[in-house]
Amino acid sequence: MCLAGMSGILLAFGVAGANFTWTDPRRMNAGVTGCLGQALAALFLPVAFGFFIVPLLLVTVLNWPQVYGSLAGPQPVLHCAIAALLPPWLVRTGWKC
């Protein structure tokens, strides 16, 4: 799920920054959206991974029942699913960076 969210972010910023009217190959991707996508994906991956791991670590450290760690499971999955689906959907509707 973490990689799906990262891929959604990279895909959206790659598509939003594409220049399909280029005549010179050096001007094919004249913009910073690709760099912005890389930076956001680099920030997203550790945060999303932390959403999966931190509840399990807290349950273990605080000696709580394991069911509490399991109850936190749907939250990071939802977070990653939103990151995987929302950016490409925004680009599909004509959103530009």
PDB file of N, CA and C in Angstrom:
ATOM      1  N   MET A   1       0.820  -1.195   0.000  1.00  0.00           N
ATOM      2  CA  MET A   1       0.000   0.000   0.000  1.00  0.00           C
ATOM      3  C   MET A   1       0.861   1.255   0.000  1.00  0.00           C
ATOM      4  N   CYS A   2       2.006   1.202   0.702  1.00  0.00           N
ATOM      5  CA  CYS A   2       2.898   2.370   0.707  1.00  0.00           C
ATOM      6  C   CYS A   2       3.413   2.655  -0.705  1.00  0.00           C
ATOM      7  N   LEU A   3       3.796   1.605  -1.405  1.00  0.00           N
ATOM      8  CA  LEU A   3       4.303   1.789  -2.766  1.00  0.00           C
ATOM      9  C   LEU A   3       3.197   2.217  -3.729  1.00  0.00           C
ATOM     10  N   ALA A   4       1.974   1.765  -3.493  1.00  0.00           N
ATOM     11  CA  ALA A   4       0.853   2.192  -4.340  1.00  0.00           C
ATOM     12  C   ALA A   4       0.606   3.689  -4.171  1.00  0.00           C
ATOM     13  N   GLY A   5       0.650   4.169  -2.944  1.00  0.00           N
ATOM     14  CA  GLY A   5       0.480   5.597  -2.708  1.00  0.00           C
ATOM     15  C   GLY A   5       1.598   6.416  -3.329  1.00  0.00           C
ATOM     16  N   MET A   6       2.830   5.933  -3.193  1.00  0.00           N
ATOM     17  CA  MET A   6       3.968   6.626  -3.786  1.00  0.00           C
ATOM     18  C   MET A   6       3.860   6.641  -5.310  1.00  0.00           C
ATOM     19  N   SER A   7       3.425   5.531  -5.890  1.00  0.00           N
ATOM     20  CA  SER A   7       3.260   5.471  -7.342  1.00  0.00           C
ATOM     21  C   SER A   7       2.179   6.417  -7.833  1.00  0.00           C
ATOM     22  N   GLY A   8       1.092   6.534  -7.083  1.00  0.00           N
ATOM     23  CA  GLY A   8       0.026   7.468  -7.454  1.00  0.00           C
ATOM     24  C   GLY A   8       0.522   8.903  -7.461  1.00  0.00           C
ATOM     25  N   ILE A   9       1.322   9.268  -6.466  1.00  0.00           N
ATOM     26  CA  ILE A   9       1.877  10.619  -6.398  1.00  0.00           C
ATOM     27  C   ILE A   9       2.820  10.869  -7.566  1.00  0.00           C
ATOM     28  N   LEU A  10       3.723   9.936  -7.835  1.00  0.00           N
ATOM     29  CA  LEU A  10       4.682  10.106  -8.936  1.00  0.00           C
ATOM     30  C   LEU A  10       3.989  10.153 -10.290  1.00  0.00           C
ATOM     31  N   LEU A  11       2.986   9.320 -10.474  1.00  0.00           N
ATOM     32  CA  LEU A  11       2.254   9.308 -11.736  1.00  0.00           C
ATOM     33  C   LEU A  11       1.536  10.626 -11.970  1.00  0.00           C
ATOM     34  N   ALA A  12       0.888  11.138 -10.942  1.00  0.00           N
ATOM     35  CA  ALA A  12       0.141  12.386 -11.091  1.00  0.00           C
ATOM     36  C   ALA A  12       1.058  13.554 -11.418  1.00  0.00           C
ATOM     37  N   PHE A  13       2.160  13.685 -10.707  1.00  0.00           N
ATOM     38  CA  PHE A  13       3.053  14.808 -10.974  1.00  0.00           C
ATOM     39  C   PHE A  13       3.805  14.628 -12.289  1.00  0.00           C
ATOM     40  N   GLY A  14       4.056  13.393 -12.701  1.00  0.00           N
ATOM     41  CA  GLY A  14       4.686  13.171 -13.999  1.00  0.00           C
ATOM     42  C   GLY A  14       3.773  13.541 -15.149  1.00  0.00           C
ATOM     43  N   VAL A  15       2.503  13.203 -15.031  1.00  0.00           N
ATOM     44  CA  VAL A  15       1.537  13.534 -16.082  1.00  0.00           C
ATOM     45  C   VAL A  15       1.251  15.026 -16.099  1.00  0.00           C
ATOM     46  N   ALA A  16       1.136  15.635 -14.926  1.00  0.00           N
ATOM     47  CA  ALA A  16       0.823  17.067 -14.865  1.00  0.00           C
ATOM     48  C   ALA A  16       1.957  17.912 -15.442  1.00  0.00           C
ATOM     49  N   GLY A  17       3.182  17.424 -15.371  1.00  0.00           N
ATOM     50  CA  GLY A  17       4.308  18.206 -15.869  1.00  0.00           C
ATOM     51  C   GLY A  17       4.727  17.883 -17.292  1.00  0.00           C
ATOM     52  N   ALA A  18       4.037  16.979 -17.950  1.00  0.00           N
ATOM     53  CA  ALA A  18       4.419  16.597 -19.313  1.00  0.00           C
ATOM     54  C   ALA A  18       4.072  17.691 -20.310  1.00  0.00           C
ATOM     55  N   ASN A  19       4.958  17.881 -21.261  1.00  0.00           N
ATOM     56  CA  ASN A  19       4.758  18.867 -22.319  1.00  0.00           C
ATOM     57  C   ASN A  19       4.633  18.104 -23.635  1.00  0.00           C
ATOM     58  N   PHE A  20       3.434  18.014 -24.157  1.00  0.00           N
ATOM     59  CA  PHE A  20       3.206  17.238 -25.371  1.00  0.00           C
ATOM     60  C   PHE A  20       3.298  18.073 -26.648  1.00  0.00           C
ATOM     61  N   THR A  21       3.643  19.343 -26.537  1.00  0.00           N
ATOM     62  CA  THR A  21       3.763  20.203 -27.713  1.00  0.00           C
ATOM     63  C   THR A  21       5.213  20.601 -27.964  1.00  0.00           C
ATOM     64  N   TRP A  22       6.160  19.776 -27.592  1.00  0.00           N
ATOM     65  CA  TRP A  22       7.558  20.123 -27.740  1.00  0.00           C
ATOM     66  C   TRP A  22       8.017  19.910 -29.181  1.00  0.00           C
ATOM     67  N   THR A  23       8.958  20.722 -29.598  1.00  0.00           N
ATOM     68  CA  THR A  23       9.599  20.549 -30.894  1.00  0.00           C
ATOM     69  C   THR A  23      11.074  20.232 -30.716  1.00  0.00           C
ATOM     70  N   ASP A  24      11.633  20.620 -29.609  1.00  0.00           N
ATOM     71  CA  ASP A  24      13.024  20.336 -29.277  1.00  0.00           C
ATOM     72  C   ASP A  24      13.038  19.289 -28.163  1.00  0.00           C
ATOM     73  N   PRO A  25      13.732  18.157 -28.343  1.00  0.00           N
ATOM     74  CA  PRO A  25      13.724  17.104 -27.317  1.00  0.00           C
ATOM     75  C   PRO A  25      14.205  17.576 -25.951  1.00  0.00           C
ATOM     76  N   ARG A  26      14.985  18.619 -25.897  1.00  0.00           N
ATOM     77  CA  ARG A  26      15.454  19.121 -24.602  1.00  0.00           C
ATOM     78  C   ARG A  26      14.344  19.839 -23.842  1.00  0.00           C
ATOM     79  N   ARG A  27      13.253  20.192 -24.509  1.00  0.00           N
ATOM     80  CA  ARG A  27      12.137  20.897 -23.885  1.00  0.00           C
ATOM     81  C   ARG A  27      10.946  19.971 -23.605  1.00  0.00           C
ATOM     82  N   MET A  28      11.204  18.679 -23.625  1.00  0.00           N
ATOM     83  CA  MET A  28      10.120  17.725 -23.466  1.00  0.00           C
ATOM     84  C   MET A  28       9.481  17.808 -22.074  1.00  0.00           C
ATOM     85  N   ASN A  29      10.247  18.070 -21.060  1.00  0.00           N
ATOM     86  CA  ASN A  29       9.691  18.163 -19.710  1.00  0.00           C
ATOM     87  C   ASN A  29      10.244  19.415 -19.028  1.00  0.00           C
ATOM     88  N   ALA A  30       9.924  20.551 -19.575  1.00  0.00           N
ATOM     89  CA  ALA A  30      10.392  21.820 -19.026  1.00  0.00           C
ATOM     90  C   ALA A  30       9.502  22.219 -17.850  1.00  0.00           C
ATOM     91  N   GLY A  31       9.899  21.856 -16.676  1.00  0.00           N
ATOM     92  CA  GLY A  31       9.135  22.189 -15.484  1.00  0.00           C
ATOM     93  C   GLY A  31       9.726  21.511 -14.269  1.00  0.00           C
ATOM     94  N   VAL A  32       9.198  21.863 -13.140  1.00  0.00           N
ATOM     95  CA  VAL A  32       9.714  21.312 -11.893  1.00  0.00           C
ATOM     96  C   VAL A  32       8.737  20.326 -11.253  1.00  0.00           C
ATOM     97  N   THR A  33       7.677  19.969 -11.944  1.00  0.00           N
ATOM     98  CA  THR A  33       6.693  19.081 -11.330  1.00  0.00           C
ATOM     99  C   THR A  33       7.255  17.686 -11.086  1.00  0.00           C
ATOM    100  N   GLY A  34       8.140  17.222 -11.947  1.00  0.00           N
ATOM    101  CA  GLY A  34       8.765  15.925 -11.710  1.00  0.00           C
ATOM    102  C   GLY A  34       9.623  15.929 -10.455  1.00  0.00           C
ATOM    103  N   CYS A  35      10.350  17.004 -10.245  1.00  0.00           N
ATOM    104  CA  CYS A  35      11.168  17.132  -9.034  1.00  0.00           C
ATOM    105  C   CYS A  35      10.284  17.249  -7.799  1.00  0.00           C
ATOM    106  N   LEU A  36       9.189  17.979  -7.922  1.00  0.00           N
ATOM    107  CA  LEU A  36       8.261  18.117  -6.807  1.00  0.00           C
ATOM    108  C   LEU A  36       7.629  16.768  -6.466  1.00  0.00           C
ATOM    109  N   GLY A  37       7.290  16.004  -7.481  1.00  0.00           N
ATOM    110  CA  GLY A  37       6.730  14.669  -7.259  1.00  0.00           C
ATOM    111  C   GLY A  37       7.708  13.755  -6.552  1.00  0.00           C
ATOM    112  N   GLN A  38       8.987  13.805  -6.937  1.00  0.00           N
ATOM    113  CA  GLN A  38      10.013  12.995  -6.273  1.00  0.00           C
ATOM    114  C   GLN A  38      10.161  13.380  -4.803  1.00  0.00           C
ATOM    115  N   ALA A  39      10.142  14.688  -4.538  1.00  0.00           N
ATOM    116  CA  ALA A  39      10.285  15.155  -3.156  1.00  0.00           C
ATOM    117  C   ALA A  39       9.080  14.729  -2.314  1.00  0.00           C
ATOM    118  N   LEU A  40       7.869  14.869  -2.857  1.00  0.00           N
ATOM    119  CA  LEU A  40       6.681  14.472  -2.109  1.00  0.00           C
ATOM    120  C   LEU A  40       6.626  12.962  -1.893  1.00  0.00           C
ATOM    121  N   ALA A  41       7.044  12.199  -2.879  1.00  0.00           N
ATOM    122  CA  ALA A  41       7.066  10.742  -2.723  1.00  0.00           C
ATOM    123  C   ALA A  41       8.105  10.329  -1.689  1.00  0.00           C
ATOM    124  N   ALA A  42       9.241  11.027  -1.664  1.00  0.00           N
ATOM    125  CA  ALA A  42      10.273  10.726  -0.664  1.00  0.00           C
ATOM    126  C   ALA A  42       9.788  11.055   0.746  1.00  0.00           C
ATOM    127  N   LEU A  43       8.930  12.045   0.882  1.00  0.00           N
ATOM    128  CA  LEU A  43       8.356  12.368   2.184  1.00  0.00           C
ATOM    129  C   LEU A  43       7.196  11.439   2.539  1.00  0.00           C
ATOM    130  N   PHE A  44       6.430  11.039   1.543  1.00  0.00           N
ATOM    131  CA  PHE A  44       5.263  10.203   1.776  1.00  0.00           C
ATOM    132  C   PHE A  44       5.644   8.799   2.254  1.00  0.00           C
ATOM    133  N   LEU A  45       6.672   8.224   1.673  1.00  0.00           N
ATOM    134  CA  LEU A  45       7.000   6.830   1.963  1.00  0.00           C
ATOM    135  C   LEU A  45       7.327   6.587   3.435  1.00  0.00           C
ATOM    136  N   PRO A  46       8.206   7.356   4.088  1.00  0.00           N
ATOM    137  CA  PRO A  46       8.442   7.090   5.511  1.00  0.00           C
ATOM    138  C   PRO A  46       7.229   7.395   6.396  1.00  0.00           C
ATOM    139  N   VAL A  47       6.442   8.402   6.030  1.00  0.00           N
ATOM    140  CA  VAL A  47       5.249   8.715   6.823  1.00  0.00           C
ATOM    141  C   VAL A  47       4.242   7.568   6.732  1.00  0.00           C
ATOM    142  N   ALA A  48       4.000   7.080   5.527  1.00  0.00           N
ATOM    143  CA  ALA A  48       3.051   5.981   5.345  1.00  0.00           C
ATOM    144  C   ALA A  48       3.549   4.710   6.038  1.00  0.00           C
ATOM    145  N   PHE A  49       4.834   4.434   5.931  1.00  0.00           N
ATOM    146  CA  PHE A  49       5.403   3.264   6.603  1.00  0.00           C
ATOM    147  C   PHE A  49       5.269   3.405   8.119  1.00  0.00           C
ATOM    148  N   GLY A  50       5.452   4.626   8.622  1.00  0.00           N
ATOM    149  CA  GLY A  50       5.286   4.877  10.048  1.00  0.00           C
ATOM    150  C   GLY A  50       3.867   4.640  10.519  1.00  0.00           C
ATOM    151  N   PHE A  51       2.872   4.972   9.675  1.00  0.00           N
ATOM    152  CA  PHE A  51       1.485   4.718  10.032  1.00  0.00           C
ATOM    153  C   PHE A  51       1.214   3.226  10.213  1.00  0.00           C
ATOM    154  N   PHE A  52       1.942   2.380   9.495  1.00  0.00           N
ATOM    155  CA  PHE A  52       1.779   0.943   9.647  1.00  0.00           C
ATOM    156  C   PHE A  52       2.520   0.403  10.868  1.00  0.00           C
ATOM    157  N   ILE A  53       3.705   0.941  11.155  1.00  0.00           N
ATOM    158  CA  ILE A  53       4.580   0.364  12.173  1.00  0.00           C
ATOM    159  C   ILE A  53       4.357   0.940  13.568  1.00  0.00           C
ATOM    160  N   VAL A  54       4.131   2.235  13.682  1.00  0.00           N
ATOM    161  CA  VAL A  54       4.048   2.882  14.996  1.00  0.00           C
ATOM    162  C   VAL A  54       2.959   2.284  15.893  1.00  0.00           C
ATOM    163  N   PRO A  55       1.742   1.997  15.401  1.00  0.00           N
ATOM    164  CA  PRO A  55       0.761   1.376  16.308  1.00  0.00           C
ATOM    165  C   PRO A  55       1.221   0.032  16.863  1.00  0.00           C
ATOM    166  N   LEU A  56       1.900  -0.749  16.049  1.00  0.00           N
ATOM    167  CA  LEU A  56       2.395  -2.038  16.539  1.00  0.00           C
ATOM    168  C   LEU A  56       3.491  -1.854  17.580  1.00  0.00           C
ATOM    169  N   LEU A  57       4.356  -0.874  17.371  1.00  0.00           N
ATOM    170  CA  LEU A  57       5.397  -0.616  18.355  1.00  0.00           C
ATOM    171  C   LEU A  57       4.817  -0.092  19.664  1.00  0.00           C
ATOM    172  N   LEU A  58       3.831   0.788  19.588  1.00  0.00           N
ATOM    173  CA  LEU A  58       3.202   1.308  20.797  1.00  0.00           C
ATOM    174  C   LEU A  58       2.520   0.206  21.598  1.00  0.00           C
ATOM    175  N   VAL A  59       1.844  -0.689  20.919  1.00  0.00           N
ATOM    176  CA  VAL A  59       1.175  -1.793  21.594  1.00  0.00           C
ATOM    177  C   VAL A  59       2.201  -2.690  22.291  1.00  0.00           C
ATOM    178  N   THR A  60       3.313  -2.924  21.636  1.00  0.00           N
ATOM    179  CA  THR A  60       4.342  -3.778  22.219  1.00  0.00           C
ATOM    180  C   THR A  60       5.023  -3.103  23.401  1.00  0.00           C
ATOM    181  N   VAL A  61       5.370  -1.831  23.252  1.00  0.00           N
ATOM    182  CA  VAL A  61       6.081  -1.112  24.310  1.00  0.00           C
ATOM    183  C   VAL A  61       5.187  -0.905  25.534  1.00  0.00           C
ATOM    184  N   LEU A  62       3.928  -0.586  25.309  1.00  0.00           N
ATOM    185  CA  LEU A  62       3.016  -0.297  26.422  1.00  0.00           C
ATOM    186  C   LEU A  62       2.329  -1.546  26.980  1.00  0.00           C
ATOM    187  N   ASN A  63       2.649  -2.717  26.438  1.00  0.00           N
ATOM    188  CA  ASN A  63       2.078  -4.001  26.875  1.00  0.00           C
ATOM    189  C   ASN A  63       0.551  -4.004  26.821  1.00  0.00           C
ATOM    190  N   TRP A  64       0.001  -3.434  25.792  1.00  0.00           N
ATOM    191  CA  TRP A  64      -1.432  -3.457  25.564  1.00  0.00           C
ATOM    192  C   TRP A  64      -1.788  -4.726  24.793  1.00  0.00           C
ATOM    193  N   PRO A  65      -3.040  -5.114  24.793  1.00  0.00           N
ATOM    194  CA  PRO A  65      -3.438  -6.277  23.988  1.00  0.00           C
ATOM    195  C   PRO A  65      -3.196  -6.017  22.490  1.00  0.00           C
ATOM    196  N   GLN A  66      -2.834  -7.059  21.776  1.00  0.00           N
ATOM    197  CA  GLN A  66      -2.522  -6.934  20.351  1.00  0.00           C
ATOM    198  C   GLN A  66      -3.717  -6.485  19.522  1.00  0.00           C
ATOM    199  N   VAL A  67      -4.921  -6.677  20.023  1.00  0.00           N
ATOM    200  CA  VAL A  67      -6.104  -6.269  19.270  1.00  0.00           C
ATOM    201  C   VAL A  67      -6.125  -4.753  19.076  1.00  0.00           C
ATOM    202  N   TYR A  68      -5.533  -3.997  19.991  1.00  0.00           N
ATOM    203  CA  TYR A  68      -5.477  -2.539  19.817  1.00  0.00           C
ATOM    204  C   TYR A  68      -4.615  -2.160  18.610  1.00  0.00           C
ATOM    205  N   GLY A  69      -3.537  -2.875  18.422  1.00  0.00           N
ATOM    206  CA  GLY A  69      -2.709  -2.640  17.244  1.00  0.00           C
ATOM    207  C   GLY A  69      -3.438  -3.014  15.964  1.00  0.00           C
ATOM    208  N   SER A  70      -4.242  -4.051  16.029  1.00  0.00           N
ATOM    209  CA  SER A  70      -5.015  -4.469  14.857  1.00  0.00           C
ATOM    210  C   SER A  70      -6.122  -3.482  14.530  1.00  0.00           C
ATOM    211  N   LEU A  71      -6.667  -2.830  15.542  1.00  0.00           N
ATOM    212  CA  LEU A  71      -7.718  -1.848  15.303  1.00  0.00           C
ATOM    213  C   LEU A  71      -7.201  -0.622  14.558  1.00  0.00           C
ATOM    214  N   ALA A  72      -5.918  -0.359  14.670  1.00  0.00           N
ATOM    215  CA  ALA A  72      -5.325   0.779  13.970  1.00  0.00           C
ATOM    216  C   ALA A  72      -4.999   0.439  12.516  1.00  0.00           C
ATOM    217  N   GLY A  73      -5.203  -0.788  12.094  1.00  0.00           N
ATOM    218  CA  GLY A  73      -4.839  -1.226  10.749  1.00  0.00           C
ATOM    219  C   GLY A  73      -5.539  -0.544   9.596  1.00  0.00           C
ATOM    220  N   PRO A  74      -6.839  -0.314   9.654  1.00  0.00           N
ATOM    221  CA  PRO A  74      -7.517   0.304   8.504  1.00  0.00           C
ATOM    222  C   PRO A  74      -7.096   1.748   8.228  1.00  0.00           C
ATOM    223  N   GLN A  75      -6.646   2.461   9.219  1.00  0.00           N
ATOM    224  CA  GLN A  75      -6.275   3.869   9.025  1.00  0.00           C
ATOM    225  C   GLN A  75      -5.115   4.033   8.036  1.00  0.00           C
ATOM    226  N   PRO A  76      -3.984   3.320   8.169  1.00  0.00           N
ATOM    227  CA  PRO A  76      -2.926   3.515   7.166  1.00  0.00           C
ATOM    228  C   PRO A  76      -3.296   2.988   5.789  1.00  0.00           C
ATOM    229  N   VAL A  77      -4.128   1.967   5.725  1.00  0.00           N
ATOM    230  CA  VAL A  77      -4.567   1.461   4.427  1.00  0.00           C
ATOM    231  C   VAL A  77      -5.407   2.521   3.716  1.00  0.00           C
ATOM    232  N   LEU A  78      -6.292   3.177   4.452  1.00  0.00           N
ATOM    233  CA  LEU A  78      -7.097   4.251   3.874  1.00  0.00           C
ATOM    234  C   LEU A  78      -6.220   5.419   3.442  1.00  0.00           C
ATOM    235  N   HIS A  79      -5.251   5.764   4.250  1.00  0.00           N
ATOM    236  CA  HIS A  79      -4.319   6.850   3.928  1.00  0.00           C
ATOM    237  C   HIS A  79      -3.580   6.564   2.626  1.00  0.00           C
ATOM    238  N   CYS A  80      -3.069   5.368   2.485  1.00  0.00           N
ATOM    239  CA  CYS A  80      -2.325   4.999   1.274  1.00  0.00           C
ATOM    240  C   CYS A  80      -3.246   4.878   0.063  1.00  0.00           C
ATOM    241  N   ALA A  81      -4.453   4.390   0.267  1.00  0.00           N
ATOM    242  CA  ALA A  81      -5.401   4.283  -0.852  1.00  0.00           C
ATOM    243  C   ALA A  81      -5.782   5.662  -1.373  1.00  0.00           C
ATOM    244  N   ILE A  82      -5.951   6.621  -0.475  1.00  0.00           N
ATOM    245  CA  ILE A  82      -6.246   7.989  -0.910  1.00  0.00           C
ATOM    246  C   ILE A  82      -5.079   8.552  -1.694  1.00  0.00           C
ATOM    247  N   ALA A  83      -3.853   8.305  -1.219  1.00  0.00           N
ATOM    248  CA  ALA A  83      -2.672   8.801  -1.934  1.00  0.00           C
ATOM    249  C   ALA A  83      -2.485   8.102  -3.270  1.00  0.00           C
ATOM    250  N   ALA A  84      -2.959   6.885  -3.394  1.00  0.00           N
ATOM    251  CA  ALA A  84      -2.824   6.160  -4.658  1.00  0.00           C
ATOM    252  C   ALA A  84      -3.884   6.577  -5.673  1.00  0.00           C
ATOM    253  N   LEU A  85      -5.071   6.948  -5.215  1.00  0.00           N
ATOM    254  CA  LEU A  85      -6.175   7.215  -6.131  1.00  0.00           C
ATOM    255  C   LEU A  85      -6.458   8.690  -6.375  1.00  0.00           C
ATOM    256  N   LEU A  86      -6.270   9.536  -5.393  1.00  0.00           N
ATOM    257  CA  LEU A  86      -6.636  10.940  -5.530  1.00  0.00           C
ATOM    258  C   LEU A  86      -5.758  11.716  -6.524  1.00  0.00           C
ATOM    259  N   PRO A  87      -4.423  11.627  -6.457  1.00  0.00           N
ATOM    260  CA  PRO A  87      -3.630  12.417  -7.418  1.00  0.00           C
ATOM    261  C   PRO A  87      -3.899  12.072  -8.881  1.00  0.00           C
ATOM    262  N   PRO A  88      -3.948  10.787  -9.288  1.00  0.00           N
ATOM    263  CA  PRO A  88      -4.289  10.522 -10.694  1.00  0.00           C
ATOM    264  C   PRO A  88      -5.694  10.988 -11.064  1.00  0.00           C
ATOM    265  N   TRP A  89      -6.631  10.933 -10.133  1.00  0.00           N
ATOM    266  CA  TRP A  89      -7.986  11.415 -10.410  1.00  0.00           C
ATOM    267  C   TRP A  89      -7.985  12.924 -10.628  1.00  0.00           C
ATOM    268  N   LEU A  90      -7.194  13.653  -9.858  1.00  0.00           N
ATOM    269  CA  LEU A  90      -7.099  15.099 -10.052  1.00  0.00           C
ATOM    270  C   LEU A  90      -6.501  15.439 -11.410  1.00  0.00           C
ATOM    271  N   VAL A  91      -5.500  14.688 -11.840  1.00  0.00           N
ATOM    272  CA  VAL A  91      -4.882  14.925 -13.145  1.00  0.00           C
ATOM    273  C   VAL A  91      -5.863  14.588 -14.259  1.00  0.00           C
ATOM    274  N   ARG A  92      -6.680  13.564 -14.073  1.00  0.00           N
ATOM    275  CA  ARG A  92      -7.656  13.164 -15.084  1.00  0.00           C
ATOM    276  C   ARG A  92      -8.655  14.280 -15.345  1.00  0.00           C
ATOM    277  N   THR A  93      -8.984  15.033 -14.322  1.00  0.00           N
ATOM    278  CA  THR A  93      -9.971  16.097 -14.476  1.00  0.00           C
ATOM    279  C   THR A  93      -9.368  17.408 -14.955  1.00  0.00           C
ATOM    280  N   GLY A  94      -8.106  17.415 -15.300  1.00  0.00           N
ATOM    281  CA  GLY A  94      -7.498  18.620 -15.868  1.00  0.00           C
ATOM    282  C   GLY A  94      -6.708  19.466 -14.895  1.00  0.00           C
ATOM    283  N   TRP A  95      -6.424  18.956 -13.724  1.00  0.00           N
ATOM    284  CA  TRP A  95      -5.647  19.693 -12.734  1.00  0.00           C
ATOM    285  C   TRP A  95      -4.201  19.827 -13.200  1.00  0.00           C
ATOM    286  N   LYS A  96      -3.651  21.013 -13.099  1.00  0.00           N
ATOM    287  CA  LYS A  96      -2.258  21.261 -13.484  1.00  0.00           C
ATOM    288  C   LYS A  96      -1.499  21.815 -12.298  1.00  0.00           C
ATOM    289  N   CYS A  97      -0.239  21.463 -12.245  1.00  0.00           N
ATOM    290  CA  CYS A  97       0.627  21.989 -11.169  1.00  0.00           C
ATOM    291  C   CYS A  97       1.057  23.407 -11.486  1.00  0.00           C
TER     292      CYS A  97
END
